[in-house]
Amino acid sequence: MRKDNATDNLGGIIKSTRIANKLTQKELSAMLDVSTRYLKAIENSGQKPSYKLLKSIVAILDIPAGVMFKEEDQQGGQI
């Protein structure tokens, strides 16, 4: 079964952007009002955040929408 690249890479995008913004998991989880354990699961274990939480993550980390779909788009896949 083929996995969706944009979804699979979501945790990696969040993690790398968090690190680039010089935030720890503890700091970001406090800003999002979620447990550090839950944020860790999103970043490393493929846990999918709710739409509301994803919006908060994108806003706090200032992630452009295009970044979420960049890998899929470059491979010529459908968005």
PDB file of N, CA and C in Angstrom:
ATOM      1  N   MET A   1       0.833  -1.173   0.000  1.00  0.00           N
ATOM      2  CA  MET A   1       0.000   0.000   0.000  1.00  0.00           C
ATOM      3  C   MET A   1       0.887   1.249   0.000  1.00  0.00           C
ATOM      4  N   ARG A   2       0.670   2.145  -0.924  1.00  0.00           N
ATOM      5  CA  ARG A   2       1.465   3.352  -1.061  1.00  0.00           C
ATOM      6  C   ARG A   2       1.039   4.379  -0.019  1.00  0.00           C
ATOM      7  N   LYS A   3       2.029   4.978   0.628  1.00  0.00           N
ATOM      8  CA  LYS A   3       1.746   6.008   1.621  1.00  0.00           C
ATOM      9  C   LYS A   3       1.762   7.368   0.943  1.00  0.00           C
ATOM     10  N   ASP A   4       1.018   8.297   1.484  1.00  0.00           N
ATOM     11  CA  ASP A   4       0.939   9.662   0.985  1.00  0.00           C
ATOM     12  C   ASP A   4       2.168  10.431   1.464  1.00  0.00           C
ATOM     13  N   ASN A   5       3.027  10.858   0.528  1.00  0.00           N
ATOM     14  CA  ASN A   5       4.279  11.534   0.891  1.00  0.00           C
ATOM     15  C   ASN A   5       4.062  12.788   1.718  1.00  0.00           C
ATOM     16  N   ALA A   6       3.063  13.591   1.371  1.00  0.00           N
ATOM     17  CA  ALA A   6       2.833  14.836   2.106  1.00  0.00           C
ATOM     18  C   ALA A   6       2.472  14.532   3.553  1.00  0.00           C
ATOM     19  N   THR A   7       1.659  13.522   3.770  1.00  0.00           N
ATOM     20  CA  THR A   7       1.264  13.166   5.126  1.00  0.00           C
ATOM     21  C   THR A   7       2.427  12.541   5.878  1.00  0.00           C
ATOM     22  N   ASP A   8       3.170  11.636   5.238  1.00  0.00           N
ATOM     23  CA  ASP A   8       4.293  10.972   5.883  1.00  0.00           C
ATOM     24  C   ASP A   8       5.367  11.969   6.288  1.00  0.00           C
ATOM     25  N   ASN A   9       5.553  13.001   5.514  1.00  0.00           N
ATOM     26  CA  ASN A   9       6.615  13.957   5.766  1.00  0.00           C
ATOM     27  C   ASN A   9       6.177  15.088   6.697  1.00  0.00           C
ATOM     28  N   LEU A  10       4.919  15.129   7.070  1.00  0.00           N
ATOM     29  CA  LEU A  10       4.402  16.204   7.896  1.00  0.00           C
ATOM     30  C   LEU A  10       5.189  16.349   9.201  1.00  0.00           C
ATOM     31  N   GLY A  11       5.412  15.250   9.892  1.00  0.00           N
ATOM     32  CA  GLY A  11       6.159  15.303  11.143  1.00  0.00           C
ATOM     33  C   GLY A  11       7.568  15.826  10.953  1.00  0.00           C
ATOM     34  N   GLY A  12       8.208  15.423   9.868  1.00  0.00           N
ATOM     35  CA  GLY A  12       9.558  15.894   9.570  1.00  0.00           C
ATOM     36  C   GLY A  12       9.602  17.382   9.284  1.00  0.00           C
ATOM     37  N   ILE A  13       8.591  17.865   8.576  1.00  0.00           N
ATOM     38  CA  ILE A  13       8.505  19.303   8.288  1.00  0.00           C
ATOM     39  C   ILE A  13       8.329  20.086   9.581  1.00  0.00           C
ATOM     40  N   ILE A  14       7.438  19.607  10.434  1.00  0.00           N
ATOM     41  CA  ILE A  14       7.196  20.285  11.708  1.00  0.00           C
ATOM     42  C   ILE A  14       8.467  20.284  12.551  1.00  0.00           C
ATOM     43  N   LYS A  15       9.118  19.136  12.640  1.00  0.00           N
ATOM     44  CA  LYS A  15      10.331  19.027  13.448  1.00  0.00           C
ATOM     45  C   LYS A  15      11.446  19.934  12.934  1.00  0.00           C
ATOM     46  N   SER A  16      11.721  19.886  11.639  1.00  0.00           N
ATOM     47  CA  SER A  16      12.819  20.688  11.094  1.00  0.00           C
ATOM     48  C   SER A  16      12.529  22.183  11.213  1.00  0.00           C
ATOM     49  N   THR A  17      11.271  22.560  11.035  1.00  0.00           N
ATOM     50  CA  THR A  17      10.908  23.975  11.164  1.00  0.00           C
ATOM     51  C   THR A  17      10.981  24.417  12.618  1.00  0.00           C
ATOM     52  N   ARG A  18      10.564  23.554  13.526  1.00  0.00           N
ATOM     53  CA  ARG A  18      10.670  23.864  14.958  1.00  0.00           C
ATOM     54  C   ARG A  18      12.131  24.105  15.344  1.00  0.00           C
ATOM     55  N   ILE A  19      12.998  23.217  14.884  1.00  0.00           N
ATOM     56  CA  ILE A  19      14.430  23.341  15.185  1.00  0.00           C
ATOM     57  C   ILE A  19      15.003  24.614  14.560  1.00  0.00           C
ATOM     58  N   ALA A  20      14.599  24.906  13.323  1.00  0.00           N
ATOM     59  CA  ALA A  20      15.069  26.121  12.657  1.00  0.00           C
ATOM     60  C   ALA A  20      14.624  27.380  13.400  1.00  0.00           C
ATOM     61  N   ASN A  21      13.475  27.282  14.075  1.00  0.00           N
ATOM     62  CA  ASN A  21      12.971  28.402  14.873  1.00  0.00           C
ATOM     63  C   ASN A  21      13.530  28.396  16.296  1.00  0.00           C
ATOM     64  N   LYS A  22      14.476  27.491  16.544  1.00  0.00           N
ATOM     65  CA  LYS A  22      15.162  27.398  17.839  1.00  0.00           C
ATOM     66  C   LYS A  22      14.184  27.176  19.004  1.00  0.00           C
ATOM     67  N   LEU A  23      13.206  26.301  18.754  1.00  0.00           N
ATOM     68  CA  LEU A  23      12.253  25.938  19.796  1.00  0.00           C
ATOM     69  C   LEU A  23      12.464  24.481  20.184  1.00  0.00           C
ATOM     70  N   THR A  24      12.351  24.190  21.452  1.00  0.00           N
ATOM     71  CA  THR A  24      12.396  22.808  21.909  1.00  0.00           C
ATOM     72  C   THR A  24      10.987  22.227  21.785  1.00  0.00           C
ATOM     73  N   GLN A  25      10.902  20.904  21.869  1.00  0.00           N
ATOM     74  CA  GLN A  25       9.581  20.275  21.867  1.00  0.00           C
ATOM     75  C   GLN A  25       8.773  20.769  23.060  1.00  0.00           C
ATOM     76  N   LYS A  26       9.427  20.937  24.183  1.00  0.00           N
ATOM     77  CA  LYS A  26       8.745  21.402  25.393  1.00  0.00           C
ATOM     78  C   LYS A  26       8.168  22.803  25.186  1.00  0.00           C
ATOM     79  N   GLU A  27       8.955  23.689  24.584  1.00  0.00           N
ATOM     80  CA  GLU A  27       8.485  25.057  24.346  1.00  0.00           C
ATOM     81  C   GLU A  27       7.306  25.082  23.372  1.00  0.00           C
ATOM     82  N   LEU A  28       7.440  24.355  22.252  1.00  0.00           N
ATOM     83  CA  LEU A  28       6.364  24.357  21.263  1.00  0.00           C
ATOM     84  C   LEU A  28       5.112  23.692  21.817  1.00  0.00           C
ATOM     85  N   SER A  29       5.269  22.601  22.524  1.00  0.00           N
ATOM     86  CA  SER A  29       4.089  21.934  23.077  1.00  0.00           C
ATOM     87  C   SER A  29       3.360  22.847  24.068  1.00  0.00           C
ATOM     88  N   ALA A  30       4.099  23.636  24.832  1.00  0.00           N
ATOM     89  CA  ALA A  30       3.465  24.588  25.755  1.00  0.00           C
ATOM     90  C   ALA A  30       2.705  25.660  24.979  1.00  0.00           C
ATOM     91  N   MET A  31       3.279  26.136  23.893  1.00  0.00           N
ATOM     92  CA  MET A  31       2.621  27.146  23.064  1.00  0.00           C
ATOM     93  C   MET A  31       1.339  26.591  22.431  1.00  0.00           C
ATOM     94  N   LEU A  32       1.344  25.295  22.131  1.00  0.00           N
ATOM     95  CA  LEU A  32       0.197  24.642  21.493  1.00  0.00           C
ATOM     96  C   LEU A  32      -0.798  24.088  22.505  1.00  0.00           C
ATOM     97  N   ASP A  33      -0.425  24.090  23.774  1.00  0.00           N
ATOM     98  CA  ASP A  33      -1.233  23.528  24.850  1.00  0.00           C
ATOM     99  C   ASP A  33      -1.506  22.030  24.620  1.00  0.00           C
ATOM    100  N   VAL A  34      -0.434  21.310  24.244  1.00  0.00           N
ATOM    101  CA  VAL A  34      -0.484  19.850  24.112  1.00  0.00           C
ATOM    102  C   VAL A  34       0.702  19.284  24.885  1.00  0.00           C
ATOM    103  N   SER A  35       0.670  18.001  25.151  1.00  0.00           N
ATOM    104  CA  SER A  35       1.790  17.395  25.871  1.00  0.00           C
ATOM    105  C   SER A  35       2.999  17.255  24.951  1.00  0.00           C
ATOM    106  N   THR A  36       4.169  17.273  25.561  1.00  0.00           N
ATOM    107  CA  THR A  36       5.404  17.063  24.810  1.00  0.00           C
ATOM    108  C   THR A  36       5.384  15.680  24.168  1.00  0.00           C
ATOM    109  N   ARG A  37       4.825  14.728  24.867  1.00  0.00           N
ATOM    110  CA  ARG A  37       4.727  13.358  24.339  1.00  0.00           C
ATOM    111  C   ARG A  37       3.895  13.320  23.047  1.00  0.00           C
ATOM    112  N   TYR A  38       2.804  14.077  23.017  1.00  0.00           N
ATOM    113  CA  TYR A  38       1.955  14.111  21.822  1.00  0.00           C
ATOM    114  C   TYR A  38       2.692  14.781  20.661  1.00  0.00           C
ATOM    115  N   LEU A  39       3.387  15.887  20.928  1.00  0.00           N
ATOM    116  CA  LEU A  39       4.151  16.559  19.873  1.00  0.00           C
ATOM    117  C   LEU A  39       5.239  15.635  19.343  1.00  0.00           C
ATOM    118  N   LYS A  40       5.891  14.918  20.232  1.00  0.00           N
ATOM    119  CA  LYS A  40       6.928  13.963  19.831  1.00  0.00           C
ATOM    120  C   LYS A  40       6.337  12.894  18.903  1.00  0.00           C
ATOM    121  N   ALA A  41       5.131  12.430  19.215  1.00  0.00           N
ATOM    122  CA  ALA A  41       4.463  11.430  18.381  1.00  0.00           C
ATOM    123  C   ALA A  41       4.134  11.990  17.002  1.00  0.00           C
ATOM    124  N   ILE A  42       3.761  13.250  16.935  1.00  0.00           N
ATOM    125  CA  ILE A  42       3.488  13.887  15.638  1.00  0.00           C
ATOM    126  C   ILE A  42       4.764  13.972  14.823  1.00  0.00           C
ATOM    127  N   GLU A  43       5.843  14.407  15.462  1.00  0.00           N
ATOM    128  CA  GLU A  43       7.110  14.597  14.748  1.00  0.00           C
ATOM    129  C   GLU A  43       7.765  13.280  14.344  1.00  0.00           C
ATOM    130  N   ASN A  44       7.691  12.276  15.186  1.00  0.00           N
ATOM    131  CA  ASN A  44       8.494  11.074  14.964  1.00  0.00           C
ATOM    132  C   ASN A  44       7.724   9.799  14.651  1.00  0.00           C
ATOM    133  N   SER A  45       6.468   9.725  15.013  1.00  0.00           N
ATOM    134  CA  SER A  45       5.741   8.455  14.893  1.00  0.00           C
ATOM    135  C   SER A  45       4.572   8.493  13.921  1.00  0.00           C
ATOM    136  N   GLY A  46       4.427   9.580  13.210  1.00  0.00           N
ATOM    137  CA  GLY A  46       3.364   9.650  12.217  1.00  0.00           C
ATOM    138  C   GLY A  46       1.988   9.951  12.772  1.00  0.00           C
ATOM    139  N   GLN A  47       1.901  10.335  14.046  1.00  0.00           N
ATOM    140  CA  GLN A  47       0.613  10.736  14.615  1.00  0.00           C
ATOM    141  C   GLN A  47       0.119  11.956  13.843  1.00  0.00           C
ATOM    142  N   LYS A  48      -1.123  11.955  13.448  1.00  0.00           N
ATOM    143  CA  LYS A  48      -1.664  13.071  12.678  1.00  0.00           C
ATOM    144  C   LYS A  48      -2.425  14.028  13.596  1.00  0.00           C
ATOM    145  N   PRO A  49      -2.048  15.303  13.580  1.00  0.00           N
ATOM    146  CA  PRO A  49      -2.748  16.279  14.427  1.00  0.00           C
ATOM    147  C   PRO A  49      -4.115  16.610  13.847  1.00  0.00           C
ATOM    148  N   SER A  50      -4.994  17.115  14.680  1.00  0.00           N
ATOM    149  CA  SER A  50      -6.287  17.592  14.192  1.00  0.00           C
ATOM    150  C   SER A  50      -6.048  18.797  13.282  1.00  0.00           C
ATOM    151  N   TYR A  51      -7.051  19.132  12.510  1.00  0.00           N
ATOM    152  CA  TYR A  51      -6.942  20.298  11.629  1.00  0.00           C
ATOM    153  C   TYR A  51      -6.686  21.567  12.444  1.00  0.00           C
ATOM    154  N   LYS A  52      -7.389  21.702  13.559  1.00  0.00           N
ATOM    155  CA  LYS A  52      -7.232  22.883  14.418  1.00  0.00           C
ATOM    156  C   LYS A  52      -5.805  22.984  14.958  1.00  0.00           C
ATOM    157  N   LEU A  53      -5.257  21.857  15.401  1.00  0.00           N
ATOM    158  CA  LEU A  53      -3.881  21.865  15.914  1.00  0.00           C
ATOM    159  C   LEU A  53      -2.891  22.137  14.789  1.00  0.00           C
ATOM    160  N   LEU A  54      -3.117  21.553  13.628  1.00  0.00           N
ATOM    161  CA  LEU A  54      -2.228  21.793  12.491  1.00  0.00           C
ATOM    162  C   LEU A  54      -2.214  23.269  12.117  1.00  0.00           C
ATOM    163  N   LYS A  55      -3.380  23.910  12.141  1.00  0.00           N
ATOM    164  CA  LYS A  55      -3.437  25.350  11.866  1.00  0.00           C
ATOM    165  C   LYS A  55      -2.601  26.127  12.873  1.00  0.00           C
ATOM    166  N   SER A  56      -2.668  25.733  14.135  1.00  0.00           N
ATOM    167  CA  SER A  56      -1.879  26.414  15.174  1.00  0.00           C
ATOM    168  C   SER A  56      -0.390  26.200  14.957  1.00  0.00           C
ATOM    169  N   ILE A  57       0.001  24.980  14.609  1.00  0.00           N
ATOM    170  CA  ILE A  57       1.409  24.672  14.353  1.00  0.00           C
ATOM    171  C   ILE A  57       1.930  25.518  13.201  1.00  0.00           C
ATOM    172  N   VAL A  58       1.171  25.550  12.107  1.00  0.00           N
ATOM    173  CA  VAL A  58       1.567  26.318  10.921  1.00  0.00           C
ATOM    174  C   VAL A  58       1.689  27.801  11.265  1.00  0.00           C
ATOM    175  N   ALA A  59       0.752  28.315  12.050  1.00  0.00           N
ATOM    176  CA  ALA A  59       0.787  29.732  12.420  1.00  0.00           C
ATOM    177  C   ALA A  59       1.980  30.055  13.320  1.00  0.00           C
ATOM    178  N   ILE A  60       2.194  29.243  14.341  1.00  0.00           N
ATOM    179  CA  ILE A  60       3.285  29.498  15.289  1.00  0.00           C
ATOM    180  C   ILE A  60       4.648  29.370  14.620  1.00  0.00           C
ATOM    181  N   LEU A  61       4.811  28.345  13.788  1.00  0.00           N
ATOM    182  CA  LEU A  61       6.109  28.121  13.141  1.00  0.00           C
ATOM    183  C   LEU A  61       6.245  28.900  11.835  1.00  0.00           C
ATOM    184  N   ASP A  62       5.167  29.568  11.431  1.00  0.00           N
ATOM    185  CA  ASP A  62       5.157  30.362  10.193  1.00  0.00           C
ATOM    186  C   ASP A  62       5.571  29.508   8.987  1.00  0.00           C
ATOM    187  N   ILE A  63       4.913  28.363   8.858  1.00  0.00           N
ATOM    188  CA  ILE A  63       5.199  27.441   7.754  1.00  0.00           C
ATOM    189  C   ILE A  63       4.323  27.826   6.572  1.00  0.00           C
ATOM    190  N   PRO A  64       4.921  28.180   5.414  1.00  0.00           N
ATOM    191  CA  PRO A  64       4.125  28.478   4.231  1.00  0.00           C
ATOM    192  C   PRO A  64       3.375  27.222   3.757  1.00  0.00           C
ATOM    193  N   ALA A  65       2.162  27.405   3.298  1.00  0.00           N
ATOM    194  CA  ALA A  65       1.350  26.271   2.855  1.00  0.00           C
ATOM    195  C   ALA A  65       2.067  25.459   1.782  1.00  0.00           C
ATOM    196  N   GLY A  66       2.799  26.112   0.908  1.00  0.00           N
ATOM    197  CA  GLY A  66       3.503  25.425  -0.160  1.00  0.00           C
ATOM    198  C   GLY A  66       4.535  24.427   0.332  1.00  0.00           C
ATOM    199  N   VAL A  67       5.084  24.649   1.506  1.00  0.00           N
ATOM    200  CA  VAL A  67       6.091  23.748   2.062  1.00  0.00           C
ATOM    201  C   VAL A  67       5.485  22.379   2.354  1.00  0.00           C
ATOM    202  N   MET A  68       4.242  22.363   2.782  1.00  0.00           N
ATOM    203  CA  MET A  68       3.575  21.107   3.121  1.00  0.00           C
ATOM    204  C   MET A  68       3.430  20.182   1.912  1.00  0.00           C
ATOM    205  N   PHE A  69       3.361  20.758   0.722  1.00  0.00           N
ATOM    206  CA  PHE A  69       3.120  19.961  -0.476  1.00  0.00           C
ATOM    207  C   PHE A  69       4.281  19.978  -1.452  1.00  0.00           C
ATOM    208  N   LYS A  70       5.398  20.562  -1.081  1.00  0.00           N
ATOM    209  CA  LYS A  70       6.540  20.733  -1.972  1.00  0.00           C
ATOM    210  C   LYS A  70       7.056  19.421  -2.533  1.00  0.00           C
ATOM    211  N   GLU A  71       7.304  18.434  -1.679  1.00  0.00           N
ATOM    212  CA  GLU A  71       7.863  17.157  -2.125  1.00  0.00           C
ATOM    213  C   GLU A  71       6.935  16.468  -3.114  1.00  0.00           C
ATOM    214  N   GLU A  72       5.659  16.423  -2.820  1.00  0.00           N
ATOM    215  CA  GLU A  72       4.679  15.775  -3.683  1.00  0.00           C
ATOM    216  C   GLU A  72       4.618  16.501  -5.026  1.00  0.00           C
ATOM    217  N   ASP A  73       4.619  17.826  -5.005  1.00  0.00           N
ATOM    218  CA  ASP A  73       4.521  18.625  -6.213  1.00  0.00           C
ATOM    219  C   ASP A  73       5.733  18.427  -7.106  1.00  0.00           C
ATOM    220  N   GLN A  74       6.942  18.360  -6.543  1.00  0.00           N
ATOM    221  CA  GLN A  74       8.166  18.196  -7.318  1.00  0.00           C
ATOM    222  C   GLN A  74       8.219  16.844  -8.003  1.00  0.00           C
ATOM    223  N   GLN A  75       7.551  15.857  -7.453  1.00  0.00           N
ATOM    224  CA  GLN A  75       7.545  14.530  -8.043  1.00  0.00           C
ATOM    225  C   GLN A  75       6.470  14.402  -9.105  1.00  0.00           C
ATOM    226  N   GLY A  76       5.727  15.471  -9.345  1.00  0.00           N
ATOM    227  CA  GLY A  76       4.703  15.429 -10.362  1.00  0.00           C
ATOM    228  C   GLY A  76       3.424  14.756  -9.911  1.00  0.00           C
ATOM    229  N   GLY A  77       3.308  14.525  -8.618  1.00  0.00           N
ATOM    230  CA  GLY A  77       2.110  13.872  -8.097  1.00  0.00           C
ATOM    231  C   GLY A  77       0.967  14.849  -7.980  1.00  0.00           C
ATOM    232  N   GLN A  78      -0.187  14.325  -7.705  1.00  0.00           N
ATOM    233  CA  GLN A  78      -1.355  15.167  -7.520  1.00  0.00           C
ATOM    234  C   GLN A  78      -1.367  15.732  -6.114  1.00  0.00           C
ATOM    235  N   ILE A  79      -1.857  16.932  -6.027  1.00  0.00           N
ATOM    236  CA  ILE A  79      -1.976  17.574  -4.719  1.00  0.00           C
ATOM    237  C   ILE A  79      -3.420  17.523  -4.291  1.00  0.00           C
TER     238      ILE A  79
END
